[in-house]
Protein backbone atom coordinates (compact mmCIF):
# COMPACT_ATOMS: atom_id res chain seq x y z
CA MET A 1 76.39 88.21 91.01
CA GLY A 2 74.07 86.31 93.29
CA GLU A 3 70.32 85.86 93.44
CA ASP A 4 68.23 86.15 96.15
CA PHE A 5 67.03 82.61 97.07
CA GLU A 6 64.98 81.88 100.17
CA VAL A 7 65.72 78.35 101.27
CA SER A 8 65.40 76.89 105.19
CA THR A 9 67.80 75.47 107.58
CA ASP A 10 65.63 72.39 107.15
CA GLU A 11 65.86 72.26 103.42
CA LEU A 12 69.93 72.73 103.41
CA ASP A 13 70.52 70.58 106.05
CA VAL A 14 71.41 66.89 104.33
CA THR A 15 72.12 64.75 107.60
CA ARG A 16 68.32 64.83 107.10
CA TRP A 17 68.31 63.43 103.25
CA PRO A 18 67.97 59.73 102.50
CA TRP A 19 71.30 59.43 100.94
CA PRO A 20 73.68 56.94 102.63
CA HIS A 21 77.15 58.25 104.25
CA PHE A 22 75.71 61.59 105.72
CA PRO A 23 77.55 61.99 108.57
CA ARG A 24 76.07 63.16 112.10
CA VAL A 25 76.67 65.98 114.19
CA ASN A 26 77.40 64.13 117.62
CA ASP A 27 80.11 61.72 115.37
CA PRO A 28 83.25 62.44 117.55
CA SER A 29 85.21 61.84 114.59
CA ILE A 30 83.71 64.62 112.87
CA GLY A 31 84.75 68.39 112.71
CA VAL A 32 87.95 71.02 112.77
CA ASP A 33 89.22 72.84 115.21
CA GLN A 34 88.52 76.48 116.25
CA THR A 35 91.17 78.25 114.75
CA THR A 36 90.50 76.21 111.38
CA TYR A 37 87.17 77.16 111.25
CA ASP A 38 88.11 80.67 111.88
CA ASN A 39 89.82 80.67 108.96
CA LEU A 40 87.51 79.32 106.82
CA VAL A 41 85.51 82.10 107.94
CA ARG A 42 88.22 84.86 107.18
CA TYR A 43 89.04 83.24 103.70
CA THR A 44 85.48 82.96 102.81
CA LYS A 45 85.28 87.25 103.11
CA TYR A 46 88.42 87.53 101.33
CA ALA A 47 86.71 85.43 98.51
CA SER A 48 83.78 87.29 98.95
CA GLY A 49 85.17 90.72 98.73
CA ALA A 50 86.68 90.31 95.06
CA TYR A 51 83.10 90.73 94.08
CA GLN A 52 82.93 94.05 94.85
CA VAL A 53 84.11 96.57 92.13
CA LEU A 54 86.04 98.29 94.52
CA CYS A 55 87.60 96.50 97.74
CA PRO A 56 89.87 99.49 99.57
CA ARG A 57 90.27 97.81 102.66
CA PRO A 58 90.07 94.06 102.37
CA MET A 59 89.11 93.10 105.72
CA GLY A 60 90.33 95.86 107.28
CA ASN A 61 93.87 95.61 105.50
CA ALA A 62 95.87 97.28 103.12
CA LEU A 63 95.10 97.04 99.19
CA VAL A 64 97.88 96.51 97.18
CA ALA A 65 96.60 96.17 93.79
CA GLN A 66 93.14 95.45 92.44
CA PHE A 67 93.26 93.43 88.66
CA MET A 68 91.03 92.64 85.99
CA ASP A 69 90.65 91.67 82.54
CA LEU A 70 87.92 93.15 80.60
CA VAL A 71 87.46 90.09 77.60
CA THR A 72 87.32 87.37 80.48
CA SER A 73 86.10 89.31 83.56
CA THR A 74 88.86 87.80 85.58
CA GLN A 75 88.91 90.18 88.38
CA GLY A 76 90.72 90.02 91.93
CA PHE A 77 93.02 91.56 94.88
CA ILE A 78 96.09 91.22 96.38
CA ALA A 79 95.71 92.45 100.34
CA ARG A 80 98.52 92.88 102.69
CA ASP A 81 97.42 91.64 106.75
CA ASP A 82 100.50 93.03 108.57
CA GLN A 83 99.49 91.85 111.62
CA ARG A 84 99.32 88.50 110.40
CA GLU A 85 102.37 88.81 108.05
CA GLU A 86 100.45 87.57 105.14
CA LEU A 87 99.90 88.27 101.25
CA VAL A 88 96.36 87.33 99.99
CA ILE A 89 95.21 87.17 96.70
CA ALA A 90 91.61 86.75 95.75
CA PHE A 91 89.78 85.91 92.78
CA ARG A 92 86.37 86.82 91.97
CA GLY A 93 83.74 84.22 90.26
CA THR A 94 81.71 84.33 87.35
CA THR A 95 78.75 86.68 86.99
CA ASP A 96 77.19 83.55 85.07
CA VAL A 97 78.28 80.13 85.81
CA THR A 98 76.13 78.04 84.83
CA SER A 99 77.29 78.98 80.57
CA ILE A 100 80.94 79.06 81.24
CA LEU A 101 81.10 75.22 82.83
CA VAL A 102 78.62 73.67 80.29
CA ASP A 103 79.85 75.28 76.98
CA MET A 104 82.70 74.01 74.51
CA SER A 105 85.16 75.38 76.67
CA ILE A 106 85.24 72.24 79.29
CA ILE A 107 87.73 70.92 77.53
CA LEU A 108 91.03 70.05 79.08
CA VAL A 109 94.24 71.61 77.83
CA PRO A 110 97.77 71.09 78.89
CA LEU A 111 98.78 73.91 81.93
CA LYS A 112 100.88 76.21 80.27
CA GLY A 113 101.11 80.07 81.35
CA PRO A 114 102.87 82.47 83.14
CA GLY A 115 104.83 81.09 85.94
CA LEU A 116 103.40 77.51 85.77
CA PRO A 117 106.49 74.43 85.92
CA PRO A 118 107.43 73.71 82.17
CA LEU A 119 105.80 70.19 81.26
CA ASN A 120 109.13 68.61 81.17
CA SER A 121 110.14 69.71 84.80
CA SER A 122 110.40 67.42 87.67
CA LEU A 123 107.69 68.40 89.35
CA VAL A 124 105.38 67.21 86.12
CA ALA A 125 107.38 64.39 84.81
CA ARG A 126 104.54 61.64 85.48
CA SER A 127 102.57 59.27 83.03
CA ALA A 128 99.82 61.99 82.41
CA GLU A 129 100.41 65.85 81.82
CA PRO A 130 98.54 68.17 83.80
CA ARG A 131 95.80 69.97 82.11
CA VAL A 132 93.22 72.21 83.30
CA HIS A 133 89.83 73.40 81.92
CA ILE A 134 90.59 75.90 78.50
CA GLY A 135 88.55 78.33 79.94
CA PHE A 136 89.87 78.63 83.45
CA LEU A 137 93.21 78.69 82.10
CA VAL A 138 92.42 81.46 80.20
CA ALA A 139 91.20 83.36 82.48
CA PHE A 140 94.19 82.79 84.14
CA GLN A 141 96.74 83.67 81.76
CA THR A 142 95.32 87.05 81.35
CA ILE A 143 96.05 88.24 84.79
CA ALA A 144 98.99 86.08 85.56
CA GLN A 145 102.12 88.07 85.00
CA THR A 146 100.43 91.17 86.90
CA VAL A 147 99.50 89.24 89.66
CA LEU A 148 103.01 87.67 89.74
CA ASP A 149 105.25 90.89 89.08
CA LYS A 150 102.89 92.53 92.20
CA LEU A 151 103.53 89.72 94.21
CA GLU A 152 106.73 89.49 93.97
CA LEU A 153 107.22 93.62 94.49
CA GLN A 154 105.61 93.13 97.75
CA LEU A 155 107.84 89.72 99.12
CA GLN A 156 110.98 91.86 98.43
CA VAL A 157 109.83 94.42 100.97
CA HIS A 158 108.37 91.40 103.42
CA PRO A 159 110.04 88.40 102.73
CA SER A 160 108.77 86.31 105.68
CA TYR A 161 105.42 87.07 104.83
CA THR A 162 103.49 83.88 103.70
CA VAL A 163 101.07 83.60 100.78
CA VAL A 164 97.47 82.75 101.11
CA VAL A 165 95.31 82.39 97.11
CA CYS A 166 91.75 82.04 97.61
CA GLY A 167 88.39 82.27 95.20
CA HIS A 168 84.63 81.52 95.08
CA SER A 169 83.20 79.55 92.49
CA LEU A 170 85.14 79.77 88.97
CA GLY A 171 87.67 82.24 91.58
CA GLY A 172 88.38 79.00 92.94
CA ALA A 173 89.31 77.37 89.61
CA ILE A 174 91.53 80.51 88.92
CA ALA A 175 92.88 80.51 92.36
CA SER A 176 93.83 76.80 92.68
CA ILE A 177 96.17 77.50 88.80
CA ALA A 178 97.49 80.64 90.52
CA SER A 179 98.30 78.55 93.34
CA ALA A 180 100.92 76.23 91.46
CA ALA A 181 102.25 79.41 89.62
CA ILE A 182 103.26 80.98 92.43
CA ASP A 183 104.76 77.96 94.07
CA HIS A 184 106.87 77.46 90.87
CA THR A 185 107.60 81.05 91.06
CA PHE A 186 108.41 81.65 94.54
CA PRO A 187 110.49 78.40 95.75
CA GLY A 188 110.12 77.71 99.57
CA LYS A 189 107.32 80.24 100.09
CA SER A 190 104.62 78.89 102.57
CA ILE A 191 101.77 79.12 100.37
CA SER A 192 97.71 78.24 101.46
CA LEU A 193 94.91 77.77 98.65
CA TYR A 194 90.82 77.90 100.30
CA THR A 195 88.58 77.47 97.79
CA PHE A 196 84.54 77.90 98.17
CA GLY A 197 82.11 76.12 95.84
CA GLN A 198 85.22 75.71 93.22
CA PRO A 199 84.21 73.38 90.31
CA ARG A 200 86.52 70.59 89.17
CA THR A 201 89.28 72.23 87.40
CA GLY A 202 91.82 69.60 85.92
CA ASN A 203 92.62 66.07 85.56
CA PRO A 204 94.26 63.75 87.84
CA ALA A 205 97.67 65.06 87.10
CA PHE A 206 96.73 68.56 87.93
CA ALA A 207 95.21 67.32 91.32
CA GLU A 208 98.25 65.31 92.17
CA LEU A 209 100.55 68.36 91.02
CA VAL A 210 98.81 70.55 93.33
CA GLU A 211 98.88 68.32 96.23
CA GLY A 212 102.24 68.18 95.69
CA ALA A 213 103.30 71.68 95.60
CA LEU A 214 101.30 73.38 98.51
CA GLY A 215 100.71 69.96 100.71
CA VAL A 216 97.59 68.77 101.40
CA GLU A 217 97.71 69.99 104.58
CA ASN A 218 97.52 73.76 103.10
CA VAL A 219 94.85 73.14 101.02
CA TYR A 220 91.27 73.88 101.84
CA ARG A 221 88.96 72.80 99.51
CA CYS A 222 85.53 73.72 100.34
CA VAL A 223 82.00 72.69 99.88
CA HIS A 224 78.74 74.31 101.28
CA LEU A 225 75.57 71.55 102.25
CA ILE A 226 74.31 70.85 98.55
CA ASP A 227 76.37 72.61 96.20
CA GLY A 228 76.32 71.20 93.20
CA VAL A 229 78.77 73.64 91.73
CA PRO A 230 81.65 71.33 92.81
CA THR A 231 80.21 68.38 91.29
CA MET A 232 78.85 70.02 88.00
CA ILE A 233 81.46 68.79 85.77
CA PRO A 234 81.62 64.72 85.86
CA THR A 235 84.59 63.14 86.53
CA ASN A 236 83.93 61.00 83.10
CA LEU A 237 85.19 63.69 81.06
CA GLY A 238 88.65 63.12 82.55
CA TYR A 239 88.48 65.60 85.89
CA GLN A 240 89.26 65.17 89.36
CA HIS A 241 89.17 67.22 92.40
CA PHE A 242 92.41 67.72 94.92
CA ALA A 243 92.62 67.13 98.52
CA THR A 244 91.55 68.50 100.96
CA GLU A 245 87.52 68.79 100.83
CA TYR A 246 86.52 70.54 104.07
CA TRP A 247 82.28 69.51 103.56
CA GLU A 248 80.12 71.66 105.67
CA PHE A 249 77.30 68.88 105.84
CA THR A 250 75.10 71.11 108.04
CA GLU A 251 74.33 74.40 109.03
CA LEU A 252 74.05 73.19 112.82
CA GLY A 253 76.82 73.60 115.77
CA PRO A 254 79.88 74.87 113.68
CA PRO A 255 82.98 73.93 114.17
CA LYS A 256 81.89 70.31 114.50
CA ASN A 257 79.50 70.62 111.13
CA VAL A 258 82.61 71.03 108.91
CA LYS A 259 83.97 67.25 108.24
CA ARG A 260 87.51 66.72 106.62
CA CYS A 261 87.33 64.45 103.99
CA ASN A 262 90.31 61.65 102.61
CA GLY A 263 91.41 62.72 99.31
CA GLY A 264 89.77 64.26 96.52
CA GLU A 265 87.00 62.40 95.16
CA ASP A 266 85.73 61.13 99.13
CA PRO A 267 82.59 58.95 98.37
CA ASN A 268 81.35 59.71 101.51
CA GLY A 269 82.03 63.65 101.29
CA SER A 270 80.29 66.24 99.27
CA ALA A 271 80.98 63.42 96.28
CA SER A 272 77.85 61.15 97.56
CA ILE A 273 75.65 64.06 96.55
CA PRO A 274 73.92 64.34 93.05
CA SER A 275 74.85 67.75 91.52
CA THR A 276 71.78 70.17 91.07
CA GLY A 277 74.01 72.77 89.74
CA VAL A 278 73.84 76.20 91.21
CA ASN A 279 71.49 76.17 93.56
CA PRO A 280 71.21 78.70 97.03
CA ALA A 281 73.96 76.52 98.90
CA HIS A 282 76.28 77.85 96.50
CA TRP A 283 76.20 81.91 97.56
CA VAL A 284 76.42 81.41 101.41
CA TYR A 285 79.54 79.80 102.57
CA PHE A 286 80.45 79.38 106.86
CA ARG A 287 77.52 81.67 107.13
CA GLN A 288 78.69 84.38 105.21
CA PRO A 289 77.22 85.59 101.74
CA ILE A 290 78.82 85.40 98.89
CA ALA A 291 79.34 88.78 96.60
CA SER A 292 76.54 90.56 98.37
CA ASP A 293 78.33 91.86 101.34
CA PRO A 294 80.72 95.21 100.86
CA THR A 295 81.81 95.32 104.67
CA VAL A 296 84.36 93.01 103.78
CA CYS A 297 86.23 95.39 101.93
CA HIS A 298 86.23 98.00 104.76
């Protein structure tokens, strides 16, 4: 996956660019606490590890299962961290981001699949039904039952463990659908969602469903600098991001270089940057290379 790019910090520092809404590092309202930042780094590494063909020890932890569908090339793993008492489900992105985003699979279809709430349930009883990108939904459907079954077995043995779902790029889109299914299948379970460079995945009703199911305080939808993938699918096609966006707006001074944005489409967040598609910023998150670091699997 991933290409080798040569790019300087100055080129990617959006605070130097001429658009009007970039936050400044010396703004006291900007930045996250160190624990939040450390978690962003941690789950970036898990998401990166999902690209490896084999990941025997994700972040040094126990590998519960790896899963793969050859038709859709959907791949990932379930890991168990006994020290943190959590189960981590990581989804790989795709080797060809652009073609999947722009082809006919961009149409929105009703949210249906293993574990997902019925469209007539109270969770989705709203004026508009949740709809998602058909390509992302099909990818989720191919591995959904396997993931839910493996997770159920783990939770029977470790009922107090929390669940974290994560993914990079299209893996983030699949992770967001999976998180809704896990929440519905295991009611009352603490679930967090971390995505990195995730494209818009569904319509406003889907965004509302994710926010309501997990709680915006448990959703970390991360964007690095000028990564163009999150805004590659435009809102005028009926798509909308869910909250909460964490925008890594400069390489300088972590954890104060991360802005917690308001809502799913904060005009002062990464949405203020015109999309340039897949670019170098897409392949590095929180100073971690995506897809190319096998050490995250040992």
